[in-house]
Amino acid sequence: MHKRLFVVLLLLAAFGFAGALDELQKNISEFTLSNGLKVIVYEDHMAPVFSAVTYADVGSVNEHVGITGLAHIFEHMAFKGTSVIGATDWEKEKAAIEKEEAAFLAFRAERNKGPLADPGKLKALEADFQAAKEASKALVEGNAFARIVEREGCEGLNASTSFDQTQYYYNFPSNKVELWAYMESERFLDPALREFHTEMEVISEERRMGIESQPTGRLFEEFLGAAYLAHPYSVFVIGHMSDIQNMSRADAMAFYRAHYIPRNLVVAVAGDVYPEKLKPVMEKYFGRLEDRPLPPAVTTVEPPQRGERRVKIKDPSQPFVIMGYHKGAFNDPDDPVFSAITDIMGEGRTSRLYKRLVRDEKLALAAAAFTGLPGNKYPGLFIFYAVPMQGKTNAENEAAILDEIEKLKNEPVTAEELQRVKTRAKADLIRSMQNPTGIAVQLAFYEKVAGGWQKLFTQLERIDKVTADDIMRVAKQYFIESNRTVAEIEHAEEGGAQ
């Protein structure tokens, strides 16, 4: 058993659930640097280690036509080092990068002429671009950033980009706080954006493998495009292939300058650290980041859906059906009700969908429901899905799901189901705090999305207030035909797929 979980269980035994949370909350403090960057600290001196999460309040929702995928691209670039980290001769490399970019822009301009492009000129420009790219790459000390931190004891170096956010993760021995602060701040202070076009090839392949070559990837991309008419949640995080292939280094630098600013970041540190010692270190390194104005907010509002939307993909693969209903954002008063519905309808072997579609009627190999897609910051979707059993159809599974939805609207959930929801919510919170990384992630998320890390400790109160009447009301209000988008894979033999 992890030490942190053991301590949480001891606190539960001693103080009860609410008292245990109060005790844990006492070990959390915060401070703000002179440039506006918020730092949240959770002290845990049981082991000489700490975890750190940098939460950037930027994701694919902050992109627009022509630069889709840029949030994810910059996440990759953040590991490429700086003018110092990873450089063998920065002045020489910088000149090579500029030559590479100029060659790319010339090649792109001719390529984007489409049918009017001169084939001979295009071939020559592509050759020039490839040569410039290789010349630039030859001056790079590859993977220098990762090698430095891992050599100093870092584990779990990683990052992730979603629709709403980008996060960077570390686990370090506690005597490496200053090294971490230098390395993490340096890459946001002075990103080299080296190997940019080489990395675009990597990301293009990532899209091909994860979306274009996967039936469910193609389905979800079509599904989101159908579900959203206006809001940028309509575009997958990885972006459109044509945008990735046309992206310039200048595009990435402009995106970085707009979004990677102190007031758009929050840093959460959890583990064997002391706030009074950490603050001057943070000021020394993160305080170097320039305080610039916040980027424009996403103001596009998805209009109400006025009729059911349907997408069908014919593919020689496993049938699959997904149904989505528009709902509010994480801070919407009804969000805890959707969390309860997730548990009752689609979470685990005790859920209604599993028991009916998988266990009893054997309509599906898998069936579930969940909330939080595409994101939490803006109004999202509540999802139901099923993977039909061999010999069963999408239509049969869809009909069974709709029947269960009607029961949810017209029959109060049982006291046992509602109690199970609230018990699981507590268990989920305990699991999220098993280790310092989990705590840091939660604190950063609540700070930026919920409006304050303190709301992590009141989230259970929101779920505790959910009633059977709330569930019926929400189901009747949201789970209606005009608010529904349905996407399915219909099996078709090779040659018949469309």
Protein backbone atom coordinates (compact mmCIF):
# COMPACT_ATOMS: atom_id res chain seq x y z
CA MET A 1 0.00 0.00 0.00
CA HIS A 2 1.33 3.46 -0.91
CA LYS A 3 2.34 5.50 2.14
CA ARG A 4 0.10 8.39 1.20
CA LEU A 5 -2.96 6.12 0.91
CA PHE A 6 -2.05 4.58 4.26
CA VAL A 7 -2.00 8.03 5.87
CA VAL A 8 -5.32 8.94 4.27
CA LEU A 9 -6.87 5.76 5.67
CA LEU A 10 -5.46 6.52 9.11
CA LEU A 11 -6.95 10.01 8.96
CA LEU A 12 -10.29 8.57 7.90
CA ALA A 13 -10.25 6.24 10.87
CA ALA A 14 -9.30 9.03 13.26
CA PHE A 15 -11.40 11.93 12.00
CA GLY A 16 -14.03 10.58 9.61
CA PHE A 17 -14.16 11.59 5.97
CA ALA A 18 -14.81 15.32 6.37
CA GLY A 19 -12.29 15.57 9.20
CA ALA A 20 -9.65 13.73 7.15
CA LEU A 21 -10.06 16.20 4.29
CA ASP A 22 -9.75 19.09 6.73
CA GLU A 23 -6.50 17.62 8.07
CA LEU A 24 -5.10 17.19 4.57
CA GLN A 25 -6.16 20.69 3.59
CA LYS A 26 -4.15 22.13 6.47
CA ASN A 27 -0.98 21.00 4.69
CA ILE A 28 -1.77 23.07 1.59
CA SER A 29 -0.62 26.63 1.09
CA GLU A 30 -0.20 29.00 -1.82
CA PHE A 31 1.73 32.06 -2.89
CA THR A 32 1.85 34.26 -5.97
CA LEU A 33 5.06 35.43 -7.62
CA SER A 34 5.67 39.06 -8.53
CA ASN A 35 4.79 38.29 -12.18
CA GLY A 36 1.41 36.81 -11.24
CA LEU A 37 2.20 33.09 -11.36
CA LYS A 38 0.27 31.10 -8.72
CA VAL A 39 2.09 28.32 -6.83
CA ILE A 40 0.21 25.76 -4.71
CA VAL A 41 2.17 23.62 -2.25
CA TYR A 42 1.13 20.41 -0.52
CA GLU A 43 3.55 19.35 2.22
CA ASP A 44 4.16 15.65 2.78
CA HIS A 45 7.46 14.80 4.48
CA MET A 46 6.99 11.03 4.65
CA ALA A 47 9.50 10.42 1.85
CA PRO A 48 12.31 12.58 0.39
CA VAL A 49 10.56 13.12 -2.96
CA PHE A 50 8.24 15.64 -4.56
CA SER A 51 6.00 15.85 -7.60
CA ALA A 52 5.47 18.97 -9.66
CA VAL A 53 2.80 19.82 -12.21
CA THR A 54 2.80 22.89 -14.40
CA TYR A 55 -0.74 23.51 -15.60
CA ALA A 56 -1.04 25.74 -18.65
CA ASP A 57 -4.55 27.07 -19.21
CA VAL A 58 -4.34 26.40 -22.93
CA GLY A 59 -5.58 23.59 -25.14
CA SER A 60 -7.03 23.00 -28.55
CA VAL A 61 -9.98 25.30 -27.77
CA ASN A 62 -7.55 28.21 -28.04
CA GLU A 63 -6.77 27.47 -31.68
CA HIS A 64 -8.50 28.59 -34.85
CA VAL A 65 -8.74 27.57 -38.49
CA GLY A 66 -5.24 27.13 -39.89
CA ILE A 67 -3.46 26.42 -36.60
CA THR A 68 -5.40 23.44 -35.23
CA GLY A 69 -3.10 21.13 -33.29
CA LEU A 70 -0.77 23.92 -32.11
CA ALA A 71 -1.33 23.38 -28.37
CA HIS A 72 -0.23 19.77 -28.77
CA ILE A 73 2.64 20.79 -31.04
CA PHE A 74 4.01 23.21 -28.47
CA GLU A 75 3.85 20.50 -25.82
CA HIS A 76 6.25 18.49 -28.02
CA MET A 77 8.43 21.55 -28.57
CA ALA A 78 8.74 22.16 -24.82
CA PHE A 79 10.92 19.05 -24.60
CA LYS A 80 13.33 20.24 -27.32
CA GLY A 81 15.39 22.43 -25.04
CA THR A 82 16.53 26.03 -25.16
CA SER A 83 19.37 28.09 -26.58
CA VAL A 84 21.48 26.54 -23.80
CA ILE A 85 19.89 23.15 -23.11
CA GLY A 86 20.45 20.94 -26.15
CA ALA A 87 22.60 23.40 -28.09
CA THR A 88 26.13 22.62 -29.32
CA ASP A 89 26.59 25.99 -31.03
CA TRP A 90 23.44 28.09 -30.68
CA GLU A 91 24.42 30.90 -33.04
CA LYS A 92 25.24 28.43 -35.79
CA GLU A 93 22.11 26.41 -35.05
CA LYS A 94 19.92 29.51 -35.00
CA ALA A 95 21.15 30.46 -38.48
CA ALA A 96 20.45 26.92 -39.68
CA ILE A 97 16.95 27.04 -38.19
CA GLU A 98 16.23 30.31 -39.98
CA LYS A 99 17.45 28.81 -43.27
CA GLU A 100 15.28 25.73 -42.70
CA GLU A 101 12.23 27.89 -42.00
CA ALA A 102 12.79 30.00 -45.11
CA ALA A 103 13.11 26.84 -47.21
CA PHE A 104 9.90 25.45 -45.71
CA LEU A 105 7.94 28.65 -46.39
CA ALA A 106 9.05 28.66 -50.02
CA PHE A 107 8.13 24.98 -50.43
CA ARG A 108 4.78 25.53 -48.68
CA ALA A 109 3.90 28.50 -50.88
CA GLU A 110 4.42 26.49 -54.06
CA ARG A 111 2.70 23.37 -52.69
CA ASN A 112 -0.36 25.36 -51.66
CA LYS A 113 -0.91 26.46 -55.25
CA GLY A 114 -2.45 23.02 -55.70
CA PRO A 115 -3.02 22.13 -59.36
CA LEU A 116 -1.24 25.34 -60.40
CA ALA A 117 2.03 24.33 -58.69
CA ASP A 118 5.02 23.86 -60.98
CA PRO A 119 6.06 20.17 -60.49
CA GLY A 120 9.72 20.82 -61.24
CA LYS A 121 9.93 23.81 -58.97
CA LEU A 122 8.04 21.97 -56.25
CA LYS A 123 10.46 19.05 -56.37
CA ALA A 124 13.48 21.38 -56.17
CA LEU A 125 12.01 23.38 -53.29
CA GLU A 126 11.21 20.20 -51.38
CA ALA A 127 14.79 18.99 -51.85
CA ASP A 128 16.09 22.34 -50.56
CA PHE A 129 13.80 22.11 -47.55
CA GLN A 130 14.84 18.54 -46.71
CA ALA A 131 18.53 19.45 -46.99
CA ALA A 132 18.08 22.50 -44.74
CA LYS A 133 16.17 20.39 -42.23
CA GLU A 134 18.95 17.80 -42.04
CA ALA A 135 21.62 20.50 -41.72
CA SER A 136 19.74 22.06 -38.79
CA LYS A 137 19.17 18.69 -37.14
CA ALA A 138 22.90 17.88 -37.30
CA LEU A 139 23.62 20.70 -34.85
CA VAL A 140 21.26 19.41 -32.15
CA GLU A 141 22.15 17.50 -28.99
CA GLY A 142 19.14 15.19 -29.10
CA ASN A 143 16.89 14.63 -26.06
CA ALA A 144 19.13 16.79 -23.89
CA PHE A 145 16.29 18.04 -21.69
CA ALA A 146 15.08 14.56 -20.75
CA ARG A 147 18.59 13.19 -20.28
CA ILE A 148 19.56 15.96 -17.86
CA VAL A 149 16.54 15.59 -15.57
CA GLU A 150 16.52 11.79 -15.68
CA ARG A 151 20.25 11.69 -14.87
CA GLU A 152 19.43 13.73 -11.75
CA GLY A 153 16.81 11.27 -10.54
CA CYS A 154 13.63 12.48 -12.26
CA GLU A 155 10.98 9.84 -12.88
CA GLY A 156 7.72 10.17 -14.74
CA LEU A 157 8.79 13.08 -16.94
CA ASN A 158 5.78 13.58 -19.17
CA ALA A 159 3.19 15.99 -20.51
CA SER A 160 -0.34 15.90 -21.90
CA THR A 161 -2.52 18.17 -23.99
CA SER A 162 -6.31 18.15 -23.98
CA PHE A 163 -9.06 20.35 -25.34
CA ASP A 164 -8.80 22.67 -22.31
CA GLN A 165 -5.31 22.38 -20.85
CA THR A 166 -1.68 21.33 -21.17
CA GLN A 167 0.13 19.77 -18.21
CA TYR A 168 3.80 18.97 -17.55
CA TYR A 169 4.76 16.37 -14.91
CA TYR A 170 7.86 15.53 -12.84
CA ASN A 171 8.80 13.38 -9.86
CA PHE A 172 12.14 14.28 -8.24
CA PRO A 173 14.19 13.66 -5.09
CA SER A 174 13.51 16.55 -2.74
CA ASN A 175 17.10 17.81 -2.94
CA LYS A 176 16.56 18.60 -6.64
CA VAL A 177 13.99 21.37 -6.20
CA GLU A 178 16.27 24.06 -7.57
CA LEU A 179 17.27 21.97 -10.60
CA TRP A 180 13.60 21.32 -11.37
CA ALA A 181 12.72 25.02 -11.01
CA TYR A 182 15.53 26.01 -13.36
CA MET A 183 14.74 23.38 -16.02
CA GLU A 184 10.98 23.89 -15.98
CA SER A 185 11.11 27.66 -16.05
CA GLU A 186 13.89 27.72 -18.64
CA ARG A 187 11.87 25.89 -21.27
CA PHE A 188 9.03 28.41 -20.96
CA LEU A 189 11.43 31.35 -20.81
CA ASP A 190 13.59 30.45 -23.81
CA PRO A 191 12.11 27.66 -26.00
CA ALA A 192 14.40 26.93 -28.93
CA LEU A 193 11.67 25.26 -31.03
CA ARG A 194 14.42 23.23 -32.65
CA GLU A 195 13.69 20.26 -34.94
CA PHE A 196 10.30 21.85 -35.54
CA HIS A 197 9.60 20.40 -38.96
CA THR A 198 11.10 17.04 -38.03
CA GLU A 199 8.64 16.91 -35.15
CA MET A 200 5.78 17.79 -37.51
CA GLU A 201 6.49 14.51 -39.28
CA VAL A 202 6.26 12.69 -35.94
CA ILE A 203 2.94 14.38 -35.13
CA SER A 204 1.57 13.70 -38.61
CA GLU A 205 2.33 10.02 -38.09
CA GLU A 206 0.71 10.19 -34.65
CA ARG A 207 -2.45 11.48 -36.30
CA ARG A 208 -2.32 8.81 -39.00
CA MET A 209 -1.94 6.02 -36.44
CA GLY A 210 -4.35 7.36 -33.81
CA ILE A 211 -7.12 8.82 -35.96
CA GLU A 212 -6.93 8.04 -39.63
CA SER A 213 -5.96 4.36 -39.29
CA GLN A 214 -8.33 3.63 -36.40
CA PRO A 215 -12.06 3.13 -37.07
CA THR A 216 -13.01 4.47 -33.64
CA GLY A 217 -10.65 7.41 -34.08
CA ARG A 218 -12.34 8.34 -37.34
CA LEU A 219 -15.73 7.83 -35.71
CA PHE A 220 -15.04 10.14 -32.77
CA GLU A 221 -13.65 12.81 -35.08
CA GLU A 222 -16.83 12.69 -37.18
CA PHE A 223 -18.93 12.59 -34.02
CA LEU A 224 -17.40 15.76 -32.55
CA GLY A 225 -17.66 17.53 -35.91
CA ALA A 226 -21.38 16.72 -36.00
CA ALA A 227 -22.06 17.54 -32.34
CA TYR A 228 -20.50 21.03 -32.51
CA LEU A 229 -21.31 23.65 -35.14
CA ALA A 230 -19.56 26.67 -33.64
CA HIS A 231 -17.43 25.85 -30.60
CA PRO A 232 -13.78 24.74 -31.08
CA TYR A 233 -14.55 21.52 -29.18
CA SER A 234 -15.48 20.29 -32.67
CA VAL A 235 -11.82 19.69 -33.61
CA PHE A 236 -9.74 16.89 -32.13
CA VAL A 237 -6.73 17.97 -30.03
CA ILE A 238 -4.21 16.70 -32.57
CA GLY A 239 -5.65 19.00 -35.23
CA HIS A 240 -6.24 18.60 -38.95
CA MET A 241 -3.53 16.97 -41.03
CA SER A 242 -3.35 19.87 -43.48
CA ASP A 243 -2.81 22.33 -40.61
CA ILE A 244 -0.04 20.17 -39.12
CA GLN A 245 1.70 19.93 -42.47
CA ASN A 246 1.41 23.68 -43.11
CA MET A 247 2.43 24.87 -39.65
CA SER A 248 5.36 27.24 -39.42
CA ARG A 249 7.78 27.76 -36.58
CA ALA A 250 6.57 31.37 -36.42
CA ASP A 251 3.03 30.09 -35.78
CA ALA A 252 4.28 28.07 -32.82
CA MET A 253 6.31 30.97 -31.42
CA ALA A 254 3.31 33.31 -31.64
CA PHE A 255 1.12 30.72 -29.86
CA TYR A 256 3.74 30.28 -27.13
CA ARG A 257 4.05 34.03 -26.57
CA ALA A 258 0.28 34.44 -26.33
CA HIS A 259 -0.44 31.58 -23.92
CA TYR A 260 2.68 30.65 -21.93
CA ILE A 261 2.62 33.61 -19.60
CA PRO A 262 2.71 33.60 -15.80
CA ARG A 263 -0.93 34.46 -15.21
CA ASN A 264 -2.01 31.66 -17.55
CA LEU A 265 -0.01 29.06 -15.61
CA VAL A 266 -0.33 27.47 -12.20
CA VAL A 267 2.36 25.33 -10.62
CA ALA A 268 1.42 22.69 -8.04
CA VAL A 269 4.17 21.06 -5.97
CA ALA A 270 3.40 18.14 -3.64
CA GLY A 271 5.72 16.22 -1.37
CA ASP A 272 8.81 16.86 0.72
CA VAL A 273 8.99 20.63 0.24
CA TYR A 274 8.70 23.63 2.54
CA PRO A 275 6.78 26.66 1.20
CA GLU A 276 9.06 29.18 2.91
CA LYS A 277 12.10 27.62 1.22
CA LEU A 278 10.36 27.04 -2.11
CA LYS A 279 9.13 30.61 -2.59
CA PRO A 280 12.54 32.29 -3.13
CA VAL A 281 13.55 29.49 -5.49
CA MET A 282 10.38 29.96 -7.51
CA GLU A 283 10.88 33.72 -7.61
CA LYS A 284 14.48 33.28 -8.73
CA TYR A 285 13.59 31.06 -11.69
CA PHE A 286 9.89 31.30 -12.56
CA GLY A 287 9.97 34.99 -11.67
CA ARG A 288 12.03 35.49 -14.84
CA LEU A 289 8.95 34.81 -17.01
CA GLU A 290 7.61 38.02 -18.52
CA ASP A 291 4.28 39.23 -17.20
CA ARG A 292 2.22 39.80 -20.35
CA PRO A 293 -1.55 40.33 -20.78
CA LEU A 294 -3.76 37.27 -20.73
CA PRO A 295 -4.78 35.97 -24.16
CA PRO A 296 -8.33 36.60 -25.38
CA ALA A 297 -10.92 34.32 -23.82
CA VAL A 298 -12.85 31.80 -25.88
CA THR A 299 -16.15 33.58 -26.37
CA THR A 300 -17.78 31.36 -29.00
CA VAL A 301 -20.92 29.79 -27.55
CA GLU A 302 -22.36 26.64 -29.09
CA PRO A 303 -25.94 27.41 -30.15
CA PRO A 304 -28.74 25.15 -28.92
CA GLN A 305 -29.11 22.02 -31.00
CA ARG A 306 -32.44 21.98 -32.82
CA GLY A 307 -32.62 18.43 -34.07
CA GLU A 308 -30.98 15.04 -33.86
CA ARG A 309 -27.76 14.68 -35.87
CA ARG A 310 -26.52 11.35 -37.22
CA VAL A 311 -23.27 10.10 -38.69
CA LYS A 312 -22.71 6.63 -40.16
CA ILE A 313 -19.34 5.25 -41.20
CA LYS A 314 -19.19 1.99 -43.14
CA ASP A 315 -16.04 0.08 -42.27
CA PRO A 316 -14.84 -3.56 -42.25
CA SER A 317 -14.43 -3.37 -38.47
CA GLN A 318 -16.33 -3.92 -35.26
CA PRO A 319 -19.69 -2.07 -35.13
CA PHE A 320 -19.82 0.73 -32.58
CA VAL A 321 -22.49 3.23 -31.59
CA ILE A 322 -22.02 6.43 -29.61
CA MET A 323 -24.69 8.89 -28.45
CA GLY A 324 -23.94 12.33 -27.07
CA TYR A 325 -26.14 14.93 -25.38
CA HIS A 326 -25.08 18.54 -24.82
CA LYS A 327 -24.66 19.53 -21.16
CA GLY A 328 -23.15 22.31 -19.07
CA ALA A 329 -19.53 22.82 -18.04
CA PHE A 330 -17.82 21.54 -14.88
CA ASN A 331 -19.02 24.52 -12.83
CA ASP A 332 -22.64 24.18 -13.95
CA PRO A 333 -24.95 23.43 -10.98
CA ASP A 334 -26.12 20.23 -12.68
CA ASP A 335 -22.63 18.81 -13.25
CA PRO A 336 -22.72 16.71 -10.03
CA VAL A 337 -25.99 15.21 -11.25
CA PHE A 338 -24.28 14.07 -14.45
CA SER A 339 -21.51 12.55 -12.32
CA ALA A 340 -24.18 10.58 -10.47
CA ILE A 341 -25.78 9.47 -13.74
CA THR A 342 -22.37 8.31 -14.97
CA ASP A 343 -22.06 6.03 -11.97
CA ILE A 344 -25.59 4.69 -12.15
CA MET A 345 -25.80 4.16 -15.89
CA GLY A 346 -22.32 3.37 -17.05
CA GLU A 347 -19.59 2.75 -14.50
CA GLY A 348 -18.53 -0.82 -13.87
CA ARG A 349 -20.37 -4.11 -13.57
CA THR A 350 -23.03 -2.71 -11.24
CA SER A 351 -24.15 -0.11 -13.78
CA ARG A 352 -27.50 -0.38 -15.51
CA LEU A 353 -26.06 -0.51 -19.02
CA TYR A 354 -23.60 -3.27 -18.19
CA LYS A 355 -26.18 -5.39 -16.41
CA ARG A 356 -28.74 -5.11 -19.18
CA LEU A 357 -26.76 -4.90 -22.43
CA VAL A 358 -23.73 -7.00 -21.52
CA ARG A 359 -24.73 -9.41 -18.77
CA ASP A 360 -28.44 -10.10 -19.23
CA GLU A 361 -29.40 -9.55 -22.87
CA LYS A 362 -25.91 -10.08 -24.31
CA LEU A 363 -26.41 -7.29 -26.83
CA ALA A 364 -22.97 -5.80 -26.30
CA LEU A 365 -19.36 -6.65 -25.60
CA ALA A 366 -19.11 -3.35 -23.74
CA ALA A 367 -21.52 -0.58 -22.82
CA ALA A 368 -20.93 2.48 -20.67
CA ALA A 369 -21.67 6.15 -20.09
CA PHE A 370 -19.42 9.01 -19.08
CA THR A 371 -19.14 12.77 -18.81
CA GLY A 372 -16.25 15.17 -19.42
CA LEU A 373 -15.86 14.86 -23.21
CA PRO A 374 -14.53 16.90 -24.96
CA GLY A 375 -13.55 18.95 -21.89
CA ASN A 376 -14.70 20.49 -18.62
CA LYS A 377 -14.07 24.19 -18.97
CA TYR A 378 -16.89 24.80 -21.48
CA PRO A 379 -20.24 23.06 -22.05
CA GLY A 380 -19.53 19.50 -23.13
CA LEU A 381 -21.29 16.23 -23.84
CA PHE A 382 -22.68 13.34 -21.88
CA ILE A 383 -21.81 10.12 -23.71
CA PHE A 384 -23.44 6.71 -24.00
CA TYR A 385 -21.82 4.01 -26.11
CA ALA A 386 -22.02 0.31 -26.93
CA VAL A 387 -19.94 -2.21 -28.84
CA PRO A 388 -22.39 -4.78 -30.21
CA MET A 389 -21.93 -8.50 -29.65
CA GLN A 390 -21.46 -10.60 -32.77
CA GLY A 391 -24.85 -11.08 -34.40
CA LYS A 392 -26.30 -8.02 -32.66
CA THR A 393 -26.76 -4.59 -34.19
CA ASN A 394 -26.14 -0.95 -33.36
CA ALA A 395 -29.88 -0.39 -33.62
CA GLU A 396 -30.64 -3.01 -30.97
CA ASN A 397 -28.08 -1.50 -28.61
CA GLU A 398 -29.27 2.04 -29.26
CA ALA A 399 -32.86 1.02 -28.54
CA ALA A 400 -31.83 -0.61 -25.25
CA ILE A 401 -29.86 2.48 -24.18
CA LEU A 402 -32.80 4.75 -25.03
CA ASP A 403 -35.08 2.49 -23.03
CA GLU A 404 -32.79 2.77 -20.01
CA ILE A 405 -32.75 6.55 -20.46
CA GLU A 406 -36.56 6.60 -20.39
CA LYS A 407 -36.50 4.64 -17.13
CA LEU A 408 -34.11 7.22 -15.73
CA LYS A 409 -36.58 9.96 -16.63
CA ASN A 410 -39.67 8.29 -15.20
CA GLU A 411 -38.56 6.05 -12.34
CA PRO A 412 -36.63 7.38 -9.33
CA VAL A 413 -33.27 5.72 -8.83
CA THR A 414 -33.10 3.56 -5.75
CA ALA A 415 -31.71 4.70 -2.44
CA GLU A 416 -29.09 1.96 -2.80
CA GLU A 417 -27.92 3.31 -6.17
CA LEU A 418 -27.74 6.86 -4.88
CA GLN A 419 -25.77 5.79 -1.83
CA ARG A 420 -23.38 3.84 -4.04
CA VAL A 421 -22.78 7.02 -6.08
CA LYS A 422 -21.80 8.96 -2.98
CA THR A 423 -19.63 6.18 -1.56
CA ARG A 424 -17.78 5.82 -4.87
CA ALA A 425 -17.24 9.56 -5.09
CA LYS A 426 -15.46 9.46 -1.75
CA ALA A 427 -13.41 6.45 -2.84
CA ASP A 428 -12.46 8.20 -6.07
CA LEU A 429 -11.24 11.23 -4.15
CA ILE A 430 -9.13 9.00 -1.89
CA ARG A 431 -7.63 7.28 -4.94
CA SER A 432 -6.83 10.63 -6.51
CA MET A 433 -4.76 11.48 -3.43
CA GLN A 434 -2.78 8.26 -3.21
CA ASN A 435 0.41 9.91 -4.41
CA PRO A 436 1.89 13.40 -4.69
CA THR A 437 1.41 13.54 -8.47
CA GLY A 438 -2.31 12.88 -8.12
CA ILE A 439 -2.64 15.56 -5.48
CA ALA A 440 -0.73 18.10 -7.59
CA VAL A 441 -2.87 17.37 -10.65
CA GLN A 442 -6.09 17.79 -8.68
CA LEU A 443 -4.98 21.03 -7.04
CA ALA A 444 -3.93 22.56 -10.37
CA PHE A 445 -7.15 21.48 -12.10
CA TYR A 446 -9.42 22.92 -9.42
CA GLU A 447 -7.41 26.13 -9.29
CA LYS A 448 -7.79 26.82 -13.01
CA VAL A 449 -11.11 25.19 -13.89
CA ALA A 450 -13.18 25.41 -10.71
CA GLY A 451 -11.91 28.82 -9.66
CA GLY A 452 -9.80 27.79 -6.68
CA TRP A 453 -8.01 24.68 -5.37
CA GLN A 454 -10.12 24.87 -2.20
CA LYS A 455 -13.13 23.66 -4.19
CA LEU A 456 -11.51 20.23 -4.42
CA PHE A 457 -12.53 19.81 -0.80
CA THR A 458 -16.14 20.90 -1.36
CA GLN A 459 -16.78 18.85 -4.51
CA LEU A 460 -18.19 15.97 -2.49
CA GLU A 461 -20.72 18.31 -0.90
CA ARG A 462 -22.08 19.02 -4.39
CA ILE A 463 -22.47 15.30 -5.09
CA ASP A 464 -23.88 14.64 -1.63
CA LYS A 465 -26.75 17.02 -2.37
CA VAL A 466 -27.87 15.14 -5.50
CA THR A 467 -31.33 13.61 -5.13
CA ALA A 468 -33.39 11.11 -7.11
CA ASP A 469 -35.59 13.99 -8.24
CA ASP A 470 -32.51 15.84 -9.56
CA ILE A 471 -31.60 12.84 -11.70
CA MET A 472 -35.10 12.59 -13.17
CA ARG A 473 -35.19 16.34 -13.83
CA VAL A 474 -31.82 16.42 -15.58
CA ALA A 475 -32.59 13.32 -17.66
CA LYS A 476 -35.86 14.88 -18.84
CA GLN A 477 -34.22 18.21 -19.61
CA TYR A 478 -31.11 17.03 -21.45
CA PHE A 479 -31.66 13.50 -22.76
CA ILE A 480 -34.05 14.47 -25.53
CA GLU A 481 -33.98 13.69 -29.23
CA SER A 482 -33.33 17.25 -30.42
CA ASN A 483 -30.25 17.47 -28.15
CA ARG A 484 -28.78 14.16 -29.36
CA THR A 485 -25.95 13.36 -31.76
CA VAL A 486 -25.51 9.73 -32.80
CA ALA A 487 -22.51 8.29 -34.63
CA GLU A 488 -21.98 4.66 -35.59
CA ILE A 489 -19.68 2.30 -37.39
CA GLU A 490 -21.65 -0.06 -39.56
CA HIS A 491 -19.73 -3.17 -40.57
CA ALA A 492 -19.09 -3.42 -44.31
CA GLU A 493 -16.84 -5.86 -46.13
CA GLU A 494 -13.62 -4.64 -47.77
CA GLY A 495 -14.48 -2.83 -50.95
CA GLY A 496 -17.88 -1.84 -49.63
CA ALA A 497 -16.63 0.59 -46.99
CA GLN A 498 -17.38 4.25 -47.58
